[in-house]
PDB file of N, CA and C in Angstrom:
ATOM      1  N   MET A   1       6.131   4.340 -16.333  1.00  0.00           N
ATOM      2  CA  MET A   1       6.982   4.968 -15.339  1.00  0.00           C
ATOM      3  C   MET A   1       7.633   6.194 -15.957  1.00  0.00           C
ATOM      4  N   THR A   2       7.650   7.257 -15.215  1.00  0.00           N
ATOM      5  CA  THR A   2       8.294   8.479 -15.674  1.00  0.00           C
ATOM      6  C   THR A   2       9.505   8.769 -14.795  1.00  0.00           C
ATOM      7  N   PRO A   3      10.413   9.590 -15.252  1.00  0.00           N
ATOM      8  CA  PRO A   3      11.576   9.934 -14.417  1.00  0.00           C
ATOM      9  C   PRO A   3      11.174  10.597 -13.103  1.00  0.00           C
ATOM     10  N   SER A   4      10.010  11.248 -13.084  1.00  0.00           N
ATOM     11  CA  SER A   4       9.573  11.898 -11.850  1.00  0.00           C
ATOM     12  C   SER A   4       8.919  10.910 -10.885  1.00  0.00           C
ATOM     13  N   ASP A   5       8.699   9.665 -11.336  1.00  0.00           N
ATOM     14  CA  ASP A   5       8.086   8.636 -10.493  1.00  0.00           C
ATOM     15  C   ASP A   5       8.978   7.386 -10.496  1.00  0.00           C
ATOM     16  N   PRO A   6      10.127   7.475  -9.847  1.00  0.00           N
ATOM     17  CA  PRO A   6      11.075   6.356  -9.902  1.00  0.00           C
ATOM     18  C   PRO A   6      10.623   5.167  -9.052  1.00  0.00           C
ATOM     19  N   LEU A   7      11.193   4.022  -9.358  1.00  0.00           N
ATOM     20  CA  LEU A   7      10.991   2.832  -8.544  1.00  0.00           C
ATOM     21  C   LEU A   7      12.019   2.846  -7.417  1.00  0.00           C
ATOM     22  N   LEU A   8      11.543   2.658  -6.204  1.00  0.00           N
ATOM     23  CA  LEU A   8      12.423   2.683  -5.033  1.00  0.00           C
ATOM     24  C   LEU A   8      12.627   1.265  -4.506  1.00  0.00           C
ATOM     25  N   SER A   9      13.832   0.987  -4.065  1.00  0.00           N
ATOM     26  CA  SER A   9      14.103  -0.307  -3.451  1.00  0.00           C
ATOM     27  C   SER A   9      13.559  -0.301  -2.016  1.00  0.00           C
ATOM     28  N   ILE A  10      13.508  -1.464  -1.428  1.00  0.00           N
ATOM     29  CA  ILE A  10      13.054  -1.580  -0.043  1.00  0.00           C
ATOM     30  C   ILE A  10      13.947  -0.759   0.879  1.00  0.00           C
ATOM     31  N   ALA A  11      15.250  -0.793   0.628  1.00  0.00           N
ATOM     32  CA  ALA A  11      16.190  -0.024   1.453  1.00  0.00           C
ATOM     33  C   ALA A  11      15.928   1.478   1.328  1.00  0.00           C
ATOM     34  N   GLN A  12      15.637   1.951   0.122  1.00  0.00           N
ATOM     35  CA  GLN A  12      15.351   3.370  -0.078  1.00  0.00           C
ATOM     36  C   GLN A  12      14.049   3.771   0.609  1.00  0.00           C
ATOM     37  N   VAL A  13      13.033   2.922   0.525  1.00  0.00           N
ATOM     38  CA  VAL A  13      11.755   3.201   1.190  1.00  0.00           C
ATOM     39  C   VAL A  13      11.960   3.259   2.698  1.00  0.00           C
ATOM     40  N   ALA A  14      12.700   2.300   3.233  1.00  0.00           N
ATOM     41  CA  ALA A  14      12.971   2.287   4.667  1.00  0.00           C
ATOM     42  C   ALA A  14      13.717   3.544   5.089  1.00  0.00           C
ATOM     43  N   ASP A  15      14.658   3.981   4.290  1.00  0.00           N
ATOM     44  CA  ASP A  15      15.412   5.194   4.593  1.00  0.00           C
ATOM     45  C   ASP A  15      14.509   6.421   4.586  1.00  0.00           C
ATOM     46  N   LEU A  16      13.613   6.516   3.593  1.00  0.00           N
ATOM     47  CA  LEU A  16      12.690   7.652   3.521  1.00  0.00           C
ATOM     48  C   LEU A  16      11.717   7.663   4.699  1.00  0.00           C
ATOM     49  N   LEU A  17      11.289   6.482   5.137  1.00  0.00           N
ATOM     50  CA  LEU A  17      10.353   6.397   6.252  1.00  0.00           C
ATOM     51  C   LEU A  17      11.051   6.490   7.609  1.00  0.00           C
ATOM     52  N   GLY A  18      12.359   6.324   7.610  1.00  0.00           N
ATOM     53  CA  GLY A  18      13.097   6.357   8.871  1.00  0.00           C
ATOM     54  C   GLY A  18      12.890   5.093   9.685  1.00  0.00           C
ATOM     55  N   THR A  19      12.716   3.971   8.992  1.00  0.00           N
ATOM     56  CA  THR A  19      12.496   2.691   9.670  1.00  0.00           C
ATOM     57  C   THR A  19      13.547   1.690   9.195  1.00  0.00           C
ATOM     58  N   THR A  20      13.467   0.485   9.733  1.00  0.00           N
ATOM     59  CA  THR A  20      14.310  -0.584   9.232  1.00  0.00           C
ATOM     60  C   THR A  20      13.672  -1.155   7.970  1.00  0.00           C
ATOM     61  N   GLU A  21      14.376  -2.005   7.267  1.00  0.00           N
ATOM     62  CA  GLU A  21      13.843  -2.618   6.050  1.00  0.00           C
ATOM     63  C   GLU A  21      12.697  -3.576   6.357  1.00  0.00           C
ATOM     64  N   ARG A  22      12.612  -4.018   7.574  1.00  0.00           N
ATOM     65  CA  ARG A  22      11.565  -4.964   7.949  1.00  0.00           C
ATOM     66  C   ARG A  22      10.159  -4.376   7.766  1.00  0.00           C
ATOM     67  N   PHE A  23       9.979  -3.090   8.071  1.00  0.00           N
ATOM     68  CA  PHE A  23       8.657  -2.471   7.967  1.00  0.00           C
ATOM     69  C   PHE A  23       8.130  -2.438   6.530  1.00  0.00           C
ATOM     70  N   PRO A  24       8.888  -1.905   5.543  1.00  0.00           N
ATOM     71  CA  PRO A  24       8.359  -1.950   4.176  1.00  0.00           C
ATOM     72  C   PRO A  24       8.188  -3.373   3.648  1.00  0.00           C
ATOM     73  N   ARG A  25       9.041  -4.287   4.065  1.00  0.00           N
ATOM     74  CA  ARG A  25       8.866  -5.684   3.652  1.00  0.00           C
ATOM     75  C   ARG A  25       7.561  -6.251   4.201  1.00  0.00           C
ATOM     76  N   ARG A  26       7.214  -5.881   5.430  1.00  0.00           N
ATOM     77  CA  ARG A  26       5.953  -6.332   6.020  1.00  0.00           C
ATOM     78  C   ARG A  26       4.763  -5.725   5.288  1.00  0.00           C
ATOM     79  N   LEU A  27       4.861  -4.438   4.903  1.00  0.00           N
ATOM     80  CA  LEU A  27       3.791  -3.805   4.127  1.00  0.00           C
ATOM     81  C   LEU A  27       3.560  -4.549   2.819  1.00  0.00           C
ATOM     82  N   VAL A  28       4.632  -4.963   2.179  1.00  0.00           N
ATOM     83  CA  VAL A  28       4.532  -5.698   0.924  1.00  0.00           C
ATOM     84  C   VAL A  28       3.941  -7.087   1.176  1.00  0.00           C
ATOM     85  N   ALA A  29       4.439  -7.778   2.190  1.00  0.00           N
ATOM     86  CA  ALA A  29       3.973  -9.133   2.481  1.00  0.00           C
ATOM     87  C   ALA A  29       2.488  -9.155   2.824  1.00  0.00           C
ATOM     88  N   GLU A  30       2.031  -8.126   3.532  1.00  0.00           N
ATOM     89  CA  GLU A  30       0.619  -8.042   3.921  1.00  0.00           C
ATOM     90  C   GLU A  30      -0.227  -7.378   2.843  1.00  0.00           C
ATOM     91  N   ARG A  31       0.383  -7.026   1.708  1.00  0.00           N
ATOM     92  CA  ARG A  31      -0.306  -6.386   0.578  1.00  0.00           C
ATOM     93  C   ARG A  31      -0.990  -5.084   0.992  1.00  0.00           C
ATOM     94  N   ARG A  32      -0.333  -4.328   1.884  1.00  0.00           N
ATOM     95  CA  ARG A  32      -0.875  -3.044   2.341  1.00  0.00           C
ATOM     96  C   ARG A  32      -0.384  -1.889   1.494  1.00  0.00           C
ATOM     97  N   ILE A  33       0.561  -2.150   0.579  1.00  0.00           N
ATOM     98  CA  ILE A  33       1.082  -1.133  -0.323  1.00  0.00           C
ATOM     99  C   ILE A  33       1.311  -1.790  -1.683  1.00  0.00           C
ATOM    100  N   ALA A  34       1.040  -1.032  -2.745  1.00  0.00           N
ATOM    101  CA  ALA A  34       1.257  -1.554  -4.099  1.00  0.00           C
ATOM    102  C   ALA A  34       2.751  -1.628  -4.377  1.00  0.00           C
ATOM    103  N   PHE A  35       3.148  -2.663  -5.101  1.00  0.00           N
ATOM    104  CA  PHE A  35       4.561  -2.838  -5.409  1.00  0.00           C
ATOM    105  C   PHE A  35       4.721  -3.454  -6.784  1.00  0.00           C
ATOM    106  N   VAL A  36       5.953  -3.429  -7.284  1.00  0.00           N
ATOM    107  CA  VAL A  36       6.292  -3.981  -8.588  1.00  0.00           C
ATOM    108  C   VAL A  36       7.363  -5.043  -8.368  1.00  0.00           C
ATOM    109  N   LYS A  37       7.178  -6.206  -8.987  1.00  0.00           N
ATOM    110  CA  LYS A  37       8.205  -7.245  -8.936  1.00  0.00           C
ATOM    111  C   LYS A  37       9.023  -7.150 -10.212  1.00  0.00           C
ATOM    112  N   VAL A  38      10.318  -6.984 -10.069  1.00  0.00           N
ATOM    113  CA  VAL A  38      11.248  -6.965 -11.186  1.00  0.00           C
ATOM    114  C   VAL A  38      12.154  -8.173 -10.985  1.00  0.00           C
ATOM    115  N   GLY A  39      11.775  -9.270 -11.620  1.00  0.00           N
ATOM    116  CA  GLY A  39      12.482 -10.521 -11.339  1.00  0.00           C
ATOM    117  C   GLY A  39      12.183 -10.918  -9.908  1.00  0.00           C
ATOM    118  N   ARG A  40      13.208 -11.065  -9.100  1.00  0.00           N
ATOM    119  CA  ARG A  40      12.987 -11.391  -7.684  1.00  0.00           C
ATOM    120  C   ARG A  40      13.058 -10.160  -6.782  1.00  0.00           C
ATOM    121  N   HIS A  41      13.293  -9.012  -7.408  1.00  0.00           N
ATOM    122  CA  HIS A  41      13.405  -7.767  -6.650  1.00  0.00           C
ATOM    123  C   HIS A  41      12.043  -7.096  -6.515  1.00  0.00           C
ATOM    124  N   VAL A  42      11.825  -6.480  -5.374  1.00  0.00           N
ATOM    125  CA  VAL A  42      10.581  -5.757  -5.107  1.00  0.00           C
ATOM    126  C   VAL A  42      10.890  -4.267  -5.144  1.00  0.00           C
ATOM    127  N   ARG A  43      10.067  -3.521  -5.872  1.00  0.00           N
ATOM    128  CA  ARG A  43      10.226  -2.076  -5.974  1.00  0.00           C
ATOM    129  C   ARG A  43       8.895  -1.397  -5.693  1.00  0.00           C
ATOM    130  N   ILE A  44       8.964  -0.211  -5.131  1.00  0.00           N
ATOM    131  CA  ILE A  44       7.762   0.571  -4.814  1.00  0.00           C
ATOM    132  C   ILE A  44       7.896   1.921  -5.506  1.00  0.00           C
ATOM    133  N   ARG A  45       6.859   2.307  -6.234  1.00  0.00           N
ATOM    134  CA  ARG A  45       6.875   3.607  -6.915  1.00  0.00           C
ATOM    135  C   ARG A  45       6.838   4.727  -5.876  1.00  0.00           C
ATOM    136  N   ALA A  46       7.536   5.812  -6.155  1.00  0.00           N
ATOM    137  CA  ALA A  46       7.562   6.958  -5.248  1.00  0.00           C
ATOM    138  C   ALA A  46       6.166   7.541  -5.063  1.00  0.00           C
ATOM    139  N   SER A  47       5.367   7.561  -6.125  1.00  0.00           N
ATOM    140  CA  SER A  47       4.008   8.105  -6.026  1.00  0.00           C
ATOM    141  C   SER A  47       3.124   7.221  -5.141  1.00  0.00           C
ATOM    142  N   VAL A  48       3.330   5.898  -5.183  1.00  0.00           N
ATOM    143  CA  VAL A  48       2.560   4.985  -4.335  1.00  0.00           C
ATOM    144  C   VAL A  48       2.919   5.210  -2.868  1.00  0.00           C
ATOM    145  N   LEU A  49       4.201   5.427  -2.597  1.00  0.00           N
ATOM    146  CA  LEU A  49       4.625   5.708  -1.231  1.00  0.00           C
ATOM    147  C   LEU A  49       4.019   7.022  -0.730  1.00  0.00           C
ATOM    148  N   ALA A  50       3.988   8.038  -1.594  1.00  0.00           N
ATOM    149  CA  ALA A  50       3.398   9.323  -1.216  1.00  0.00           C
ATOM    150  C   ALA A  50       1.908   9.177  -0.924  1.00  0.00           C
ATOM    151  N   GLU A  51       1.184   8.403  -1.748  1.00  0.00           N
ATOM    152  CA  GLU A  51      -0.244   8.165  -1.521  1.00  0.00           C
ATOM    153  C   GLU A  51      -0.463   7.396  -0.223  1.00  0.00           C
ATOM    154  N   PHE A  52       0.379   6.406   0.033  1.00  0.00           N
ATOM    155  CA  PHE A  52       0.289   5.616   1.258  1.00  0.00           C
ATOM    156  C   PHE A  52       0.434   6.516   2.482  1.00  0.00           C
ATOM    157  N   LEU A  53       1.402   7.410   2.441  1.00  0.00           N
ATOM    158  CA  LEU A  53       1.633   8.309   3.571  1.00  0.00           C
ATOM    159  C   LEU A  53       0.508   9.318   3.742  1.00  0.00           C
ATOM    160  N   SER A  54       0.012   9.878   2.647  1.00  0.00           N
ATOM    161  CA  SER A  54      -1.054  10.868   2.764  1.00  0.00           C
ATOM    162  C   SER A  54      -2.358  10.238   3.247  1.00  0.00           C
ATOM    163  N   ALA A  55      -2.596   8.980   2.889  1.00  0.00           N
ATOM    164  CA  ALA A  55      -3.812   8.299   3.341  1.00  0.00           C
ATOM    165  C   ALA A  55      -3.768   7.992   4.836  1.00  0.00           C
ATOM    166  N   ARG A  56      -2.573   7.927   5.388  1.00  0.00           N
ATOM    167  CA  ARG A  56      -2.431   7.582   6.800  1.00  0.00           C
ATOM    168  C   ARG A  56      -1.998   8.750   7.669  1.00  0.00           C
ATOM    169  N   THR A  57      -2.042   9.941   7.107  1.00  0.00           N
ATOM    170  CA  THR A  57      -1.688  11.137   7.865  1.00  0.00           C
ATOM    171  C   THR A  57      -2.879  11.563   8.715  1.00  0.00           C
ATOM    172  N   VAL A  58      -2.637  11.739   9.987  1.00  0.00           N
ATOM    173  CA  VAL A  58      -3.680  12.137  10.923  1.00  0.00           C
ATOM    174  C   VAL A  58      -3.536  13.627  11.192  1.00  0.00           C
ATOM    175  N   GLN A  59      -4.604  14.353  10.977  1.00  0.00           N
ATOM    176  CA  GLN A  59      -4.595  15.801  11.186  1.00  0.00           C
ATOM    177  C   GLN A  59      -4.748  16.111  12.677  1.00  0.00           C
ATOM    178  N   PRO A  60      -4.132  17.181  13.151  1.00  0.00           N
ATOM    179  CA  PRO A  60      -4.246  17.540  14.561  1.00  0.00           C
ATOM    180  C   PRO A  60      -5.668  18.003  14.897  1.00  0.00           C
ATOM    181  N   VAL A  61      -6.025  17.814  16.142  1.00  0.00           N
ATOM    182  CA  VAL A  61      -7.337  18.234  16.625  1.00  0.00           C
ATOM    183  C   VAL A  61      -7.227  19.677  17.095  1.00  0.00           C
ATOM    184  N   THR A  62      -8.170  20.492  16.665  1.00  0.00           N
ATOM    185  CA  THR A  62      -8.186  21.872  17.138  1.00  0.00           C
ATOM    186  C   THR A  62      -9.286  21.993  18.188  1.00  0.00           C
ATOM    187  N   ILE A  63      -8.933  22.521  19.313  1.00  0.00           N
ATOM    188  CA  ILE A  63      -9.882  22.670  20.422  1.00  0.00           C
ATOM    189  C   ILE A  63     -10.251  24.143  20.537  1.00  0.00           C
ATOM    190  N   ARG A  64     -11.535  24.385  20.513  1.00  0.00           N
ATOM    191  CA  ARG A  64     -12.002  25.759  20.700  1.00  0.00           C
ATOM    192  C   ARG A  64     -12.198  25.985  22.196  1.00  0.00           C
ATOM    193  N   ARG A  65     -11.627  27.026  22.686  1.00  0.00           N
ATOM    194  CA  ARG A  65     -11.631  27.305  24.130  1.00  0.00           C
ATOM    195  C   ARG A  65     -13.042  27.445  24.713  1.00  0.00           C
ATOM    196  N   GLY A  66     -13.975  27.956  23.958  1.00  0.00           N
ATOM    197  CA  GLY A  66     -15.314  28.191  24.487  1.00  0.00           C
ATOM    198  C   GLY A  66     -16.114  26.919  24.735  1.00  0.00           C
ATOM    199  N   HIS A  67     -15.673  25.808  24.190  1.00  0.00           N
ATOM    200  CA  HIS A  67     -16.423  24.577  24.311  1.00  0.00           C
ATOM    201  C   HIS A  67     -15.880  23.633  25.376  1.00  0.00           C
ATOM    202  N   LEU A  68     -14.884  24.082  26.111  1.00  0.00           N
ATOM    203  CA  LEU A  68     -14.336  23.233  27.177  1.00  0.00           C
ATOM    204  C   LEU A  68     -15.243  23.335  28.406  1.00  0.00           C
ATOM    205  N   ARG A  69     -15.427  22.220  29.038  1.00  0.00           N
ATOM    206  CA  ARG A  69     -16.217  22.217  30.276  1.00  0.00           C
ATOM    207  C   ARG A  69     -15.306  22.518  31.445  1.00  0.00           C
ATOM    208  N   ARG A  70     -15.874  23.184  32.415  1.00  0.00           N
ATOM    209  CA  ARG A  70     -15.078  23.524  33.598  1.00  0.00           C
ATOM    210  C   ARG A  70     -15.317  22.520  34.700  1.00  0.00           C
ATOM    211  N   ALA A  71     -14.292  22.265  35.471  1.00  0.00           N
ATOM    212  CA  ALA A  71     -14.420  21.355  36.608  1.00  0.00           C
ATOM    213  C   ALA A  71     -15.174  22.072  37.725  1.00  0.00           C
ATOM    214  N   ALA A  72     -15.892  21.310  38.506  1.00  0.00           N
ATOM    215  CA  ALA A  72     -16.699  21.892  39.585  1.00  0.00           C
ATOM    216  C   ALA A  72     -15.854  22.424  40.696  1.00  0.00           C
TER     217      ALA A  72
END
């Protein structure tokens, strides 16, 4: 672990995602995100959270005007 890659608590992850604590806890319970157990505490690395978000980012669709079909 480096200072640039801190361990975040569930509350901090929820705050960064703008959700309740229930969502990151569910991600951990379903093993959908990597985490670290420190005793009984669960921590998520900031880099793991960034990778999780980038993997689930959906890019916008660009529509080219010339390829639209016209209604009859």
